[in-house]
PDB file of all heavy atoms in Angstrom:
ATOM      1  N   SER A   1     139.974 107.434 109.875  1.00  0.00           N
ATOM      2  CA  SER A   1     140.041 108.868 109.905  1.00  0.00           C
ATOM      3  C   SER A   1     138.771 109.512 110.400  1.00  0.00           C
ATOM      4  O   SER A   1     138.767 110.702 110.507  1.00  0.00           O
ATOM      5  CB  SER A   1     140.387 109.329 108.471  1.00  0.00           C
ATOM      6  OG  SER A   1     139.347 109.045 107.606  1.00  0.00           O
ATOM      7  N   ARG A   2     137.768 108.752 110.736  1.00  0.00           N
ATOM      8  CA  ARG A   2     136.523 109.338 111.236  1.00  0.00           C
ATOM      9  C   ARG A   2     136.703 109.665 112.703  1.00  0.00           C
ATOM     10  O   ARG A   2     137.415 109.074 113.421  1.00  0.00           O
ATOM     11  CB  ARG A   2     135.329 108.348 111.148  1.00  0.00           C
ATOM     12  CG  ARG A   2     134.879 108.047 109.776  1.00  0.00           C
ATOM     13  CD  ARG A   2     133.677 107.138 109.776  1.00  0.00           C
ATOM     14  NE  ARG A   2     134.065 105.877 110.471  1.00  0.00           N
ATOM     15  CZ  ARG A   2     133.168 105.043 111.064  1.00  0.00           C
ATOM     16  NH1 ARG A   2     131.913 105.344 111.048  1.00  0.00           N
ATOM     17  NH2 ARG A   2     133.553 103.994 111.549  1.00  0.00           N
ATOM     18  N   VAL A   3     136.020 110.790 113.097  1.00  0.00           N
ATOM     19  CA  VAL A   3     136.005 111.140 114.501  1.00  0.00           C
ATOM     20  C   VAL A   3     134.889 110.399 115.189  1.00  0.00           C
ATOM     21  O   VAL A   3     133.708 110.567 114.876  1.00  0.00           O
ATOM     22  CB  VAL A   3     135.807 112.679 114.673  1.00  0.00           C
ATOM     23  CG1 VAL A   3     135.735 113.064 116.143  1.00  0.00           C
ATOM     24  CG2 VAL A   3     136.954 113.422 113.979  1.00  0.00           C
ATOM     25  N   LEU A   4     135.252 109.555 116.153  1.00  0.00           N
ATOM     26  CA  LEU A   4     134.276 108.727 116.859  1.00  0.00           C
ATOM     27  C   LEU A   4     133.744 109.498 118.039  1.00  0.00           C
ATOM     28  O   LEU A   4     134.554 110.253 118.700  1.00  0.00           O
ATOM     29  CB  LEU A   4     134.840 107.397 117.227  1.00  0.00           C
ATOM     30  CG  LEU A   4     135.293 106.518 116.087  1.00  0.00           C
ATOM     31  CD1 LEU A   4     135.964 105.267 116.589  1.00  0.00           C
ATOM     32  CD2 LEU A   4     134.121 106.139 115.216  1.00  0.00           C
ATOM     33  N   PRO A   5     132.491 109.310 118.488  1.00  0.00           N
ATOM     34  CA  PRO A   5     132.041 109.988 119.714  1.00  0.00           C
ATOM     35  C   PRO A   5     132.827 109.451 120.913  1.00  0.00           C
ATOM     36  O   PRO A   5     133.164 108.280 120.995  1.00  0.00           O
ATOM     37  CB  PRO A   5     130.569 109.565 119.778  1.00  0.00           C
ATOM     38  CG  PRO A   5     130.428 108.409 118.898  1.00  0.00           C
ATOM     39  CD  PRO A   5     131.484 108.429 117.870  1.00  0.00           C
ATOM     40  N   SER A   6     133.155 110.323 121.802  1.00  0.00           N
ATOM     41  CA  SER A   6     133.969 109.963 122.893  1.00  0.00           C
ATOM     42  C   SER A   6     133.279 109.183 124.030  1.00  0.00           C
ATOM     43  O   SER A   6     133.910 108.507 124.820  1.00  0.00           O
ATOM     44  CB  SER A   6     134.604 111.257 123.535  1.00  0.00           C
ATOM     45  OG  SER A   6     133.560 112.046 124.056  1.00  0.00           O
ATOM     46  N   GLY A   7     131.947 109.286 124.099  1.00  0.00           N
ATOM     47  CA  GLY A   7     131.232 108.547 125.131  1.00  0.00           C
ATOM     48  C   GLY A   7     131.377 109.170 126.503  1.00  0.00           C
ATOM     49  O   GLY A   7     131.222 108.448 127.511  1.00  0.00           O
ATOM     50  N   ASP A   8     131.836 110.406 126.597  1.00  0.00           N
ATOM     51  CA  ASP A   8     132.083 110.977 127.869  1.00  0.00           C
ATOM     52  C   ASP A   8     130.925 111.876 128.360  1.00  0.00           C
ATOM     53  O   ASP A   8     131.067 112.729 129.201  1.00  0.00           O
ATOM     54  CB  ASP A   8     133.407 111.776 127.869  1.00  0.00           C
ATOM     55  CG  ASP A   8     133.396 112.920 126.923  1.00  0.00           C
ATOM     56  OD1 ASP A   8     132.509 112.939 126.068  1.00  0.00           O
ATOM     57  OD2 ASP A   8     134.373 113.649 126.870  1.00  0.00           O
ATOM     58  N   GLU A   9     129.746 111.700 127.811  1.00  0.00           N
ATOM     59  CA  GLU A   9     128.584 112.448 128.312  1.00  0.00           C
ATOM     60  C   GLU A   9     128.237 111.920 129.669  1.00  0.00           C
ATOM     61  O   GLU A   9     128.429 110.814 130.000  1.00  0.00           O
ATOM     62  CB  GLU A   9     127.386 112.349 127.394  1.00  0.00           C
ATOM     63  CG  GLU A   9     126.834 110.940 127.165  1.00  0.00           C
ATOM     64  CD  GLU A   9     127.405 110.183 126.034  1.00  0.00           C
ATOM     65  OE1 GLU A   9     128.097 110.796 125.133  1.00  0.00           O
ATOM     66  OE2 GLU A   9     127.228 108.963 125.980  1.00  0.00           O
ATOM     67  N   PRO A  10     127.749 112.832 130.557  1.00  0.00           N
ATOM     68  CA  PRO A  10     127.460 112.389 131.884  1.00  0.00           C
ATOM     69  C   PRO A  10     126.317 111.349 131.907  1.00  0.00           C
ATOM     70  O   PRO A  10     125.477 111.325 131.012  1.00  0.00           O
ATOM     71  CB  PRO A  10     127.061 113.673 132.608  1.00  0.00           C
ATOM     72  CG  PRO A  10     126.891 114.711 131.570  1.00  0.00           C
ATOM     73  CD  PRO A  10     127.516 114.246 130.267  1.00  0.00           C
ATOM     74  N   ILE A  11     126.271 110.611 132.950  1.00  0.00           N
ATOM     75  CA  ILE A  11     125.164 109.645 133.160  1.00  0.00           C
ATOM     76  C   ILE A  11     124.557 109.999 134.488  1.00  0.00           C
ATOM     77  O   ILE A  11     125.246 110.191 135.499  1.00  0.00           O
ATOM     78  CB  ILE A  11     125.664 108.191 133.079  1.00  0.00           C
ATOM     79  CG1 ILE A  11     124.470 107.261 133.266  1.00  0.00           C
ATOM     80  CG2 ILE A  11     126.722 107.892 134.126  1.00  0.00           C
ATOM     81  CD1 ILE A  11     124.763 105.830 132.887  1.00  0.00           C
ATOM     82  N   VAL A  12     123.189 110.086 134.482  1.00  0.00           N
ATOM     83  CA  VAL A  12     122.436 110.452 135.664  1.00  0.00           C
ATOM     84  C   VAL A  12     121.672 109.232 136.069  1.00  0.00           C
ATOM     85  O   VAL A  12     120.915 108.600 135.297  1.00  0.00           O
ATOM     86  CB  VAL A  12     121.463 111.602 135.378  1.00  0.00           C
ATOM     87  CG1 VAL A  12     120.670 111.966 136.614  1.00  0.00           C
ATOM     88  CG2 VAL A  12     122.189 112.793 134.849  1.00  0.00           C
ATOM     89  N   LEU A  13     121.818 108.843 137.354  1.00  0.00           N
ATOM     90  CA  LEU A  13     121.107 107.661 137.889  1.00  0.00           C
ATOM     91  C   LEU A  13     120.072 108.208 138.896  1.00  0.00           C
ATOM     92  O   LEU A  13     120.391 108.827 139.832  1.00  0.00           O
ATOM     93  CB  LEU A  13     122.099 106.774 138.644  1.00  0.00           C
ATOM     94  CG  LEU A  13     123.309 106.273 137.859  1.00  0.00           C
ATOM     95  CD1 LEU A  13     124.261 105.548 138.785  1.00  0.00           C
ATOM     96  CD2 LEU A  13     122.885 105.393 136.763  1.00  0.00           C
ATOM     97  N   VAL A  14     118.808 107.943 138.544  1.00  0.00           N
ATOM     98  CA  VAL A  14     117.673 108.471 139.319  1.00  0.00           C
ATOM     99  C   VAL A  14     117.126 107.322 140.146  1.00  0.00           C
ATOM    100  O   VAL A  14     116.717 106.272 139.651  1.00  0.00           O
ATOM    101  CB  VAL A  14     116.599 109.107 138.381  1.00  0.00           C
ATOM    102  CG1 VAL A  14     115.415 109.653 139.249  1.00  0.00           C
ATOM    103  CG2 VAL A  14     117.190 110.126 137.505  1.00  0.00           C
ATOM    104  N   ASP A  15     117.013 107.577 141.421  1.00  0.00           N
ATOM    105  CA  ASP A  15     116.425 106.599 142.403  1.00  0.00           C
ATOM    106  C   ASP A  15     114.949 106.521 142.155  1.00  0.00           C
ATOM    107  O   ASP A  15     114.207 107.471 142.188  1.00  0.00           O
ATOM    108  CB  ASP A  15     116.674 107.132 143.840  1.00  0.00           C
ATOM    109  CG  ASP A  15     116.283 106.071 144.901  1.00  0.00           C
ATOM    110  OD1 ASP A  15     115.614 105.085 144.581  1.00  0.00           O
ATOM    111  OD2 ASP A  15     116.622 106.322 146.066  1.00  0.00           O
ATOM    112  N   ALA A  16     114.417 105.286 141.831  1.00  0.00           N
ATOM    113  CA  ALA A  16     113.038 105.077 141.525  1.00  0.00           C
ATOM    114  C   ALA A  16     112.394 104.181 142.567  1.00  0.00           C
ATOM    115  O   ALA A  16     111.466 103.366 142.258  1.00  0.00           O
ATOM    116  CB  ALA A  16     112.889 104.447 140.130  1.00  0.00           C
ATOM    117  N   SER A  17     112.794 104.338 143.831  1.00  0.00           N
ATOM    118  CA  SER A  17     112.202 103.534 144.895  1.00  0.00           C
ATOM    119  C   SER A  17     111.001 104.267 145.472  1.00  0.00           C
ATOM    120  O   SER A  17     110.785 105.439 145.257  1.00  0.00           O
ATOM    121  CB  SER A  17     113.198 103.203 145.984  1.00  0.00           C
ATOM    122  OG  SER A  17     113.597 104.447 146.600  1.00  0.00           O
ATOM    123  N   LEU A  18     110.163 103.552 146.194  1.00  0.00           N
ATOM    124  CA  LEU A  18     108.950 104.132 146.788  1.00  0.00           C
ATOM    125  C   LEU A  18     109.214 105.321 147.722  1.00  0.00           C
ATOM    126  O   LEU A  18     108.414 106.188 147.842  1.00  0.00           O
ATOM    127  CB  LEU A  18     108.175 103.063 147.580  1.00  0.00           C
ATOM    128  CG  LEU A  18     107.472 102.031 146.654  1.00  0.00           C
ATOM    129  CD1 LEU A  18     106.857 100.948 147.464  1.00  0.00           C
ATOM    130  CD2 LEU A  18     106.418 102.707 145.813  1.00  0.00           C
ATOM    131  N   SER A  19     110.438 105.366 148.303  1.00  0.00           N
ATOM    132  CA  SER A  19     110.748 106.461 149.199  1.00  0.00           C
ATOM    133  C   SER A  19     110.852 107.779 148.467  1.00  0.00           C
ATOM    134  O   SER A  19     110.878 108.856 149.032  1.00  0.00           O
ATOM    135  CB  SER A  19     112.018 106.175 150.022  1.00  0.00           C
ATOM    136  OG  SER A  19     113.184 106.125 149.093  1.00  0.00           O
ATOM    137  N   MET A  20     110.989 107.742 147.111  1.00  0.00           N
ATOM    138  CA  MET A  20     111.144 108.933 146.315  1.00  0.00           C
ATOM    139  C   MET A  20     109.753 109.464 145.893  1.00  0.00           C
ATOM    140  O   MET A  20     109.685 110.474 145.170  1.00  0.00           O
ATOM    141  CB  MET A  20     111.989 108.646 145.070  1.00  0.00           C
ATOM    142  CG  MET A  20     113.396 108.452 145.343  1.00  0.00           C
ATOM    143  SD  MET A  20     114.261 109.960 145.723  1.00  0.00           S
ATOM    144  CE  MET A  20     114.310 110.794 144.180  1.00  0.00           C
ATOM    145  N   SER A  21     108.661 108.799 146.236  1.00  0.00           N
ATOM    146  CA  SER A  21     107.330 109.281 145.871  1.00  0.00           C
ATOM    147  C   SER A  21     107.056 110.684 146.310  1.00  0.00           C
ATOM    148  O   SER A  21     107.537 111.142 147.356  1.00  0.00           O
ATOM    149  CB  SER A  21     106.303 108.349 146.405  1.00  0.00           C
ATOM    150  OG  SER A  21     106.426 107.054 145.885  1.00  0.00           O
ATOM    151  N   GLY A  22     106.289 111.390 145.536  1.00  0.00           N
ATOM    152  CA  GLY A  22     105.860 112.764 145.919  1.00  0.00           C
ATOM    153  C   GLY A  22     106.878 113.830 145.506  1.00  0.00           C
ATOM    154  O   GLY A  22     107.360 113.805 144.392  1.00  0.00           O
ATOM    155  N   ALA A  23     107.127 114.744 146.428  1.00  0.00           N
ATOM    156  CA  ALA A  23     108.025 115.872 146.111  1.00  0.00           C
ATOM    157  C   ALA A  23     109.438 115.504 145.724  1.00  0.00           C
ATOM    158  O   ALA A  23     109.978 116.080 144.806  1.00  0.00           O
ATOM    159  CB  ALA A  23     108.034 116.794 147.342  1.00  0.00           C
ATOM    160  N   PRO A  24     110.069 114.516 146.346  1.00  0.00           N
ATOM    161  CA  PRO A  24     111.442 114.147 145.901  1.00  0.00           C
ATOM    162  C   PRO A  24     111.428 113.686 144.427  1.00  0.00           C
ATOM    163  O   PRO A  24     112.338 113.990 143.688  1.00  0.00           O
ATOM    164  CB  PRO A  24     111.801 113.039 146.837  1.00  0.00           C
ATOM    165  CG  PRO A  24     111.015 113.191 148.068  1.00  0.00           C
ATOM    166  CD  PRO A  24     109.727 113.757 147.554  1.00  0.00           C
ATOM    167  N   TRP A  25     110.433 112.926 144.037  1.00  0.00           N
ATOM    168  CA  TRP A  25     110.391 112.434 142.685  1.00  0.00           C
ATOM    169  C   TRP A  25     110.209 113.592 141.710  1.00  0.00           C
ATOM    170  O   TRP A  25     110.871 113.643 140.658  1.00  0.00           O
ATOM    171  CB  TRP A  25     109.248 111.437 142.477  1.00  0.00           C
ATOM    172  CG  TRP A  25     109.159 110.921 141.070  1.00  0.00           C
ATOM    173  CD1 TRP A  25     108.218 111.139 140.172  1.00  0.00           C
ATOM    174  CD2 TRP A  25     110.131 110.073 140.460  1.00  0.00           C
ATOM    175  NE1 TRP A  25     108.477 110.503 138.989  1.00  0.00           N
ATOM    176  CE2 TRP A  25     109.697 109.823 139.121  1.00  0.00           C
ATOM    177  CE3 TRP A  25     111.272 109.464 140.793  1.00  0.00           C
ATOM    178  CZ2 TRP A  25     110.334 109.038 138.182  1.00  0.00           C
ATOM    179  CZ3 TRP A  25     111.983 108.646 139.925  1.00  0.00           C
ATOM    180  CH2 TRP A  25     111.497 108.447 138.623  1.00  0.00           C
ATOM    181  N   GLY A  26     109.400 114.594 141.982  1.00  0.00           N
ATOM    182  CA  GLY A  26     109.241 115.731 141.143  1.00  0.00           C
ATOM    183  C   GLY A  26     110.541 116.495 140.948  1.00  0.00           C
ATOM    184  O   GLY A  26     110.898 116.924 139.867  1.00  0.00           O
ATOM    185  N   ALA A  27     111.251 116.671 142.087  1.00  0.00           N
ATOM    186  CA  ALA A  27     112.513 117.399 142.061  1.00  0.00           C
ATOM    187  C   ALA A  27     113.571 116.673 141.220  1.00  0.00           C
ATOM    188  O   ALA A  27     114.302 117.199 140.394  1.00  0.00           O
ATOM    189  CB  ALA A  27     113.037 117.690 143.462  1.00  0.00           C
TER     190      ALA A  27
END
């Protein structure tokens, strides 16, 4: 009878490669 969390929160995947250095990484 408990309400379980749905697990439908969004997931954000952030690119952490060297091409993201500088301004793209900050944004």
